[in-house]
Amino acid sequence: ADSVKGRFTISRDKARNTMYLQMNSLKPEDTA
């Protein structure tokens, strides 16, 4: 989403069937 570009990074570990979301420079509007 445009609102998170440059701040959030999505990644996955295929072997573990696990997905991650690294969230940096968080803002109050990210509350959810």
All heavy atoms as atom14 arrays in JSON, in Angstrom:
{
  "sequence": "ADSVKGRFTISRDKARNTMYLQMNSLKPEDTA",
  "atom14_mask": [
    [1, 1, 1, 1, 1, 0, 0, 0, 0, 0, 0, 0, 0, 0],
    [1, 1, 1, 1, 1, 1, 1, 1, 0, 0, 0, 0, 0, 0],
    [1, 1, 1, 1, 1, 1, 0, 0, 0, 0, 0, 0, 0, 0],
    [1, 1, 1, 1, 1, 1, 1, 0, 0, 0, 0, 0, 0, 0],
    [1, 1, 1, 1, 1, 1, 1, 1, 1, 0, 0, 0, 0, 0],
    [1, 1, 1, 1, 0, 0, 0, 0, 0, 0, 0, 0, 0, 0],
    [1, 1, 1, 1, 1, 1, 1, 1, 1, 1, 1, 0, 0, 0],
    [1, 1, 1, 1, 1, 1, 1, 1, 1, 1, 1, 0, 0, 0],
    [1, 1, 1, 1, 1, 1, 1, 0, 0, 0, 0, 0, 0, 0],
    [1, 1, 1, 1, 1, 1, 1, 1, 0, 0, 0, 0, 0, 0],
    [1, 1, 1, 1, 1, 1, 0, 0, 0, 0, 0, 0, 0, 0],
    [1, 1, 1, 1, 1, 1, 1, 1, 1, 1, 1, 0, 0, 0],
    [1, 1, 1, 1, 1, 1, 1, 1, 0, 0, 0, 0, 0, 0],
    [1, 1, 1, 1, 1, 1, 1, 1, 1, 0, 0, 0, 0, 0],
    [1, 1, 1, 1, 1, 0, 0, 0, 0, 0, 0, 0, 0, 0],
    [1, 1, 1, 1, 1, 1, 1, 1, 1, 1, 1, 0, 0, 0],
    [1, 1, 1, 1, 1, 1, 1, 1, 0, 0, 0, 0, 0, 0],
    [1, 1, 1, 1, 1, 1, 1, 0, 0, 0, 0, 0, 0, 0],
    [1, 1, 1, 1, 1, 1, 1, 1, 0, 0, 0, 0, 0, 0],
    [1, 1, 1, 1, 1, 1, 1, 1, 1, 1, 1, 1, 0, 0],
    [1, 1, 1, 1, 1, 1, 1, 1, 0, 0, 0, 0, 0, 0],
    [1, 1, 1, 1, 1, 1, 1, 1, 1, 0, 0, 0, 0, 0],
    [1, 1, 1, 1, 1, 1, 1, 1, 0, 0, 0, 0, 0, 0],
    [1, 1, 1, 1, 1, 1, 1, 1, 0, 0, 0, 0, 0, 0],
    [1, 1, 1, 1, 1, 1, 0, 0, 0, 0, 0, 0, 0, 0],
    [1, 1, 1, 1, 1, 1, 1, 1, 0, 0, 0, 0, 0, 0],
    [1, 1, 1, 1, 1, 1, 1, 1, 1, 0, 0, 0, 0, 0],
    [1, 1, 1, 1, 1, 1, 1, 0, 0, 0, 0, 0, 0, 0],
    [1, 1, 1, 1, 1, 1, 1, 1, 1, 0, 0, 0, 0, 0],
    [1, 1, 1, 1, 1, 1, 1, 1, 0, 0, 0, 0, 0, 0],
    [1, 1, 1, 1, 1, 1, 1, 0, 0, 0, 0, 0, 0, 0],
    [1, 1, 1, 1, 1, 0, 0, 0, 0, 0, 0, 0, 0, 0]
  ],
  "atom14_positions": [
    [[0.85, -1.18, 0.0], [0.0, 0.0, 0.0], [0.89, 1.24, 0.0], [1.99, 1.23, 0.59], [-0.89, 0.01, 1.24], [0.0, 0.0, 0.0], [0.0, 0.0, 0.0], [0.0, 0.0, 0.0], [0.0, 0.0, 0.0], [0.0, 0.0, 0.0], [0.0, 0.0, 0.0], [0.0, 0.0, 0.0], [0.0, 0.0, 0.0], [0.0, 0.0, 0.0]],
    [[0.44, 2.29, -0.66], [1.24, 3.51, -0.74], [1.59, 4.05, 0.65], [2.67, 4.6, 0.86], [0.49, 4.58, -1.53], [0.43, 4.27, -3.02], [1.24, 3.44, -3.49], [-0.41, 4.87, -3.72], [0.0, 0.0, 0.0], [0.0, 0.0, 0.0], [0.0, 0.0, 0.0], [0.0, 0.0, 0.0], [0.0, 0.0, 0.0], [0.0, 0.0, 0.0]],
    [[0.69, 3.87, 1.59], [0.89, 4.44, 2.92], [2.03, 3.8, 3.7], [2.48, 4.36, 4.69], [-0.41, 4.34, 3.72], [-0.81, 2.98, 3.85], [0.0, 0.0, 0.0], [0.0, 0.0, 0.0], [0.0, 0.0, 0.0], [0.0, 0.0, 0.0], [0.0, 0.0, 0.0], [0.0, 0.0, 0.0], [0.0, 0.0, 0.0], [0.0, 0.0, 0.0]],
    [[2.48, 2.63, 3.26], [3.53, 1.94, 4.02], [4.81, 1.75, 3.21], [5.8, 1.24, 3.74], [3.04, 0.57, 4.55], [1.76, 0.73, 5.36], [2.86, -0.44, 3.43], [0.0, 0.0, 0.0], [0.0, 0.0, 0.0], [0.0, 0.0, 0.0], [0.0, 0.0, 0.0], [0.0, 0.0, 0.0], [0.0, 0.0, 0.0], [0.0, 0.0, 0.0]],
    [[4.8, 2.14, 1.96], [5.99, 1.97, 1.13], [7.18, 2.68, 1.74], [7.08, 3.82, 2.18], [5.72, 2.5, -0.28], [4.9, 1.59, -1.16], [4.7, 2.18, -2.55], [3.85, 1.26, -3.41], [3.57, 1.85, -4.74], [0.0, 0.0, 0.0], [0.0, 0.0, 0.0], [0.0, 0.0, 0.0], [0.0, 0.0, 0.0], [0.0, 0.0, 0.0]],
    [[8.29, 1.98, 1.76], [9.51, 2.56, 2.33], [9.63, 2.38, 3.83], [10.7, 2.64, 4.4], [0.0, 0.0, 0.0], [0.0, 0.0, 0.0], [0.0, 0.0, 0.0], [0.0, 0.0, 0.0], [0.0, 0.0, 0.0], [0.0, 0.0, 0.0], [0.0, 0.0, 0.0], [0.0, 0.0, 0.0], [0.0, 0.0, 0.0], [0.0, 0.0, 0.0]],
    [[8.56, 1.96, 4.49], [8.59, 1.77, 5.94], [8.4, 0.3, 6.34], [8.98, -0.16, 7.32], [7.5, 2.6, 6.61], [7.62, 4.09, 6.37], [6.64, 4.89, 7.22], [5.25, 4.57, 6.91], [4.37, 4.12, 7.81], [4.72, 3.92, 9.06], [3.11, 3.89, 7.44], [0.0, 0.0, 0.0], [0.0, 0.0, 0.0], [0.0, 0.0, 0.0]],
    [[7.56, -0.4, 5.6], [7.26, -1.8, 5.91], [7.92, -2.71, 4.88], [8.03, -2.36, 3.7], [5.75, -2.05, 5.88], [4.96, -1.4, 6.98], [5.53, -0.47, 7.84], [3.63, -1.72, 7.15], [4.8, 0.13, 8.85], [2.87, -1.12, 8.16], [3.46, -0.19, 9.0], [0.0, 0.0, 0.0], [0.0, 0.0, 0.0], [0.0, 0.0, 0.0]],
    [[8.29, -3.9, 5.33], [8.87, -4.9, 4.43], [8.23, -6.25, 4.71], [8.24, -6.72, 5.85], [10.39, -5.02, 4.61], [11.0, -3.74, 4.39], [10.96, -6.03, 3.63], [0.0, 0.0, 0.0], [0.0, 0.0, 0.0], [0.0, 0.0, 0.0], [0.0, 0.0, 0.0], [0.0, 0.0, 0.0], [0.0, 0.0, 0.0], [0.0, 0.0, 0.0]],
    [[7.68, -6.84, 3.68], [7.09, -8.17, 3.8], [8.1, -9.2, 3.3], [8.83, -8.94, 2.34], [5.75, -8.26, 3.01], [5.02, -9.57, 3.31], [5.97, -8.09, 1.52], [3.61, -9.62, 2.74], [0.0, 0.0, 0.0], [0.0, 0.0, 0.0], [0.0, 0.0, 0.0], [0.0, 0.0, 0.0], [0.0, 0.0, 0.0], [0.0, 0.0, 0.0]],
    [[8.13, -10.34, 3.96], [9.02, -11.42, 3.54], [8.39, -12.75, 3.92], [7.4, -12.78, 4.66], [10.4, -11.27, 4.18], [10.3, -11.34, 5.6], [0.0, 0.0, 0.0], [0.0, 0.0, 0.0], [0.0, 0.0, 0.0], [0.0, 0.0, 0.0], [0.0, 0.0, 0.0], [0.0, 0.0, 0.0], [0.0, 0.0, 0.0], [0.0, 0.0, 0.0]],
    [[8.98, -13.83, 3.4], [8.45, -15.14, 3.75], [9.58, -16.15, 3.81], [10.61, -16.0, 3.16], [7.36, -15.6, 2.76], [7.86, -16.33, 1.5], [8.3, -15.37, 0.45], [8.61, -16.01, -0.81], [9.81, -16.04, -1.34], [10.82, -15.49, -0.72], [10.01, -16.62, -2.5], [0.0, 0.0, 0.0], [0.0, 0.0, 0.0], [0.0, 0.0, 0.0]],
    [[9.33, -17.18, 4.6], [10.23, -18.33, 4.7], [9.44, -19.52, 4.17], [8.56, -20.04, 4.85], [10.64, -18.53, 6.17], [11.64, -19.66, 6.35], [11.6, -20.62, 5.54], [12.43, -19.61, 7.29], [0.0, 0.0, 0.0], [0.0, 0.0, 0.0], [0.0, 0.0, 0.0], [0.0, 0.0, 0.0], [0.0, 0.0, 0.0], [0.0, 0.0, 0.0]],
    [[9.76, -19.91, 2.95], [8.95, -20.96, 2.32], [9.04, -22.27, 3.08], [8.05, -22.99, 3.21], [9.41, -21.15, 0.86], [9.06, -19.97, -0.04], [9.15, -20.35, -1.51], [10.54, -20.63, -1.96], [10.62, -20.91, -3.41], [0.0, 0.0, 0.0], [0.0, 0.0, 0.0], [0.0, 0.0, 0.0], [0.0, 0.0, 0.0], [0.0, 0.0, 0.0]],
    [[10.22, -22.59, 3.56], [10.41, -23.87, 4.24], [9.57, -23.97, 5.51], [9.1, -25.05, 5.87], [11.88, -24.08, 4.55], [0.0, 0.0, 0.0], [0.0, 0.0, 0.0], [0.0, 0.0, 0.0], [0.0, 0.0, 0.0], [0.0, 0.0, 0.0], [0.0, 0.0, 0.0], [0.0, 0.0, 0.0], [0.0, 0.0, 0.0], [0.0, 0.0, 0.0]],
    [[9.38, -22.84, 6.16], [8.62, -22.82, 7.41], [7.18, -22.35, 7.23], [6.45, -22.25, 8.21], [9.32, -21.92, 8.43], [10.72, -22.39, 8.78], [11.35, -21.53, 9.86], [12.68, -22.02, 10.22], [13.44, -21.53, 11.18], [13.0, -20.52, 11.91], [14.63, -22.03, 11.43], [0.0, 0.0, 0.0], [0.0, 0.0, 0.0], [0.0, 0.0, 0.0]],
    [[6.8, -22.05, 6.0], [5.44, -21.54, 5.73], [5.11, -20.38, 6.67], [4.02, -20.34, 7.27], [4.41, -22.66, 5.88], [4.4, -23.6, 4.7], [4.38, -23.16, 3.55], [4.45, -24.88, 4.97], [0.0, 0.0, 0.0], [0.0, 0.0, 0.0], [0.0, 0.0, 0.0], [0.0, 0.0, 0.0], [0.0, 0.0, 0.0], [0.0, 0.0, 0.0]],
    [[6.05, -19.49, 6.8], [5.89, -18.35, 7.7], [6.12, -17.06, 6.92], [6.99, -16.99, 6.05], [6.88, -18.44, 8.86], [6.64, -19.65, 9.59], [6.72, -17.27, 9.82], [0.0, 0.0, 0.0], [0.0, 0.0, 0.0], [0.0, 0.0, 0.0], [0.0, 0.0, 0.0], [0.0, 0.0, 0.0], [0.0, 0.0, 0.0], [0.0, 0.0, 0.0]],
    [[5.33, -16.08, 7.25], [5.41, -14.77, 6.61], [5.69, -13.72, 7.68], [5.25, -13.89, 8.83], [4.08, -14.47, 5.91], [3.95, -13.09, 5.33], [2.38, -12.88, 4.44], [1.19, -13.14, 5.73], [0.0, 0.0, 0.0], [0.0, 0.0, 0.0], [0.0, 0.0, 0.0], [0.0, 0.0, 0.0], [0.0, 0.0, 0.0], [0.0, 0.0, 0.0]],
    [[6.4, -12.68, 7.3], [6.77, -11.64, 8.25], [6.4, -10.26, 7.72], [6.3, -10.05, 6.51], [8.29, -11.67, 8.51], [8.8, -13.02, 8.95], [9.33, -13.91, 8.02], [8.73, -13.4, 10.28], [9.8, -15.15, 8.42], [9.19, -14.65, 10.69], [9.73, -15.52, 9.75], [10.17, -16.75, 10.14], [0.0, 0.0, 0.0], [0.0, 0.0, 0.0]],
    [[6.22, -9.34, 8.63], [6.04, -7.94, 8.26], [6.9, -7.11, 9.19], [6.59, -6.98, 10.38], [4.57, -7.51, 8.36], [4.29, -6.1, 7.84], [4.5, -6.02, 6.33], [2.87, -5.65, 8.2], [0.0, 0.0, 0.0], [0.0, 0.0, 0.0], [0.0, 0.0, 0.0], [0.0, 0.0, 0.0], [0.0, 0.0, 0.0], [0.0, 0.0, 0.0]],
    [[7.99, -6.59, 8.66], [8.84, -5.68, 9.42], [8.3, -4.28, 9.27], [8.21, -3.77, 8.15], [10.29, -5.76, 8.93], [11.24, -4.82, 9.64], [11.43, -5.17, 11.1], [11.59, -6.34, 11.44], [11.43, -4.16, 11.97], [0.0, 0.0, 0.0], [0.0, 0.0, 0.0], [0.0, 0.0, 0.0], [0.0, 0.0, 0.0], [0.0, 0.0, 0.0]],
    [[7.95, -3.66, 10.38], [7.34, -2.33, 10.35], [8.26, -1.35, 11.05], [8.5, -1.49, 12.26], [5.97, -2.37, 11.04], [5.02, -3.41, 10.46], [3.36, -3.34, 11.17], [3.71, -3.83, 12.84], [0.0, 0.0, 0.0], [0.0, 0.0, 0.0], [0.0, 0.0, 0.0], [0.0, 0.0, 0.0], [0.0, 0.0, 0.0], [0.0, 0.0, 0.0]],
    [[8.77, -0.4, 10.3], [9.66, 0.63, 10.83], [9.0, 2.0, 10.73], [8.04, 2.19, 9.99], [10.98, 0.63, 10.07], [11.74, -0.68, 10.18], [11.68, -1.38, 11.2], [12.46, -1.03, 9.13], [0.0, 0.0, 0.0], [0.0, 0.0, 0.0], [0.0, 0.0, 0.0], [0.0, 0.0, 0.0], [0.0, 0.0, 0.0], [0.0, 0.0, 0.0]],
    [[9.55, 2.94, 11.46], [9.04, 4.32, 11.43], [7.53, 4.35, 11.61], [6.8, 5.02, 10.85], [9.44, 5.0, 10.11], [10.83, 5.01, 9.94], [0.0, 0.0, 0.0], [0.0, 0.0, 0.0], [0.0, 0.0, 0.0], [0.0, 0.0, 0.0], [0.0, 0.0, 0.0], [0.0, 0.0, 0.0], [0.0, 0.0, 0.0], [0.0, 0.0, 0.0]],
    [[7.07, 3.63, 12.59], [5.62, 3.51, 12.8], [5.0, 4.85, 13.17], [5.61, 5.68, 13.85], [5.34, 2.48, 13.89], [5.45, 1.02, 13.4], [5.63, 0.07, 14.57], [4.22, 0.64, 12.58], [0.0, 0.0, 0.0], [0.0, 0.0, 0.0], [0.0, 0.0, 0.0], [0.0, 0.0, 0.0], [0.0, 0.0, 0.0], [0.0, 0.0, 0.0]],
    [[3.77, 5.02, 12.72], [3.0, 6.24, 12.95], [1.72, 5.9, 13.69], [1.23, 4.77, 13.59], [2.65, 6.9, 11.61], [3.83, 7.19, 10.71], [3.37, 7.74, 9.36], [4.53, 8.02, 8.44], [4.08, 8.54, 7.12], [0.0, 0.0, 0.0], [0.0, 0.0, 0.0], [0.0, 0.0, 0.0], [0.0, 0.0, 0.0], [0.0, 0.0, 0.0]],
    [[1.14, 6.86, 14.4], [-0.13, 6.59, 15.09], [-1.21, 6.06, 14.14], [-2.03, 5.23, 14.53], [-0.5, 7.95, 15.67], [0.8, 8.6, 15.92], [1.67, 8.18, 14.76], [0.0, 0.0, 0.0], [0.0, 0.0, 0.0], [0.0, 0.0, 0.0], [0.0, 0.0, 0.0], [0.0, 0.0, 0.0], [0.0, 0.0, 0.0], [0.0, 0.0, 0.0]],
    [[-1.19, 6.51, 12.9], [-2.2, 6.04, 11.95], [-1.98, 4.6, 11.51], [-2.82, 4.05, 10.79], [-2.25, 6.96, 10.72], [-0.91, 7.23, 10.06], [-0.28, 8.54, 10.54], [-0.3, 8.83, 11.76], [0.24, 9.27, 9.66], [0.0, 0.0, 0.0], [0.0, 0.0, 0.0], [0.0, 0.0, 0.0], [0.0, 0.0, 0.0], [0.0, 0.0, 0.0]],
    [[-0.9, 3.99, 11.92], [-0.7, 2.56, 11.66], [-1.43, 1.69, 12.7], [-1.46, 0.47, 12.57], [0.79, 2.21, 11.68], [1.56, 2.85, 10.55], [1.06, 2.87, 9.42], [2.69, 3.35, 10.81], [0.0, 0.0, 0.0], [0.0, 0.0, 0.0], [0.0, 0.0, 0.0], [0.0, 0.0, 0.0], [0.0, 0.0, 0.0], [0.0, 0.0, 0.0]],
    [[-1.99, 2.31, 13.71], [-2.71, 1.58, 14.74], [-3.9, 0.84, 14.14], [-4.74, 1.43, 13.46], [-3.2, 2.53, 15.84], [-2.06, 3.1, 16.51], [-4.08, 1.8, 16.86], [0.0, 0.0, 0.0], [0.0, 0.0, 0.0], [0.0, 0.0, 0.0], [0.0, 0.0, 0.0], [0.0, 0.0, 0.0], [0.0, 0.0, 0.0], [0.0, 0.0, 0.0]],
    [[-3.95, -0.46, 14.36], [-5.0, -1.3, 13.79], [-4.8, -2.74, 14.26], [-3.77, -3.07, 14.87], [-4.95, -1.26, 12.27], [0.0, 0.0, 0.0], [0.0, 0.0, 0.0], [0.0, 0.0, 0.0], [0.0, 0.0, 0.0], [0.0, 0.0, 0.0], [0.0, 0.0, 0.0], [0.0, 0.0, 0.0], [0.0, 0.0, 0.0], [0.0, 0.0, 0.0]]
  ]
}
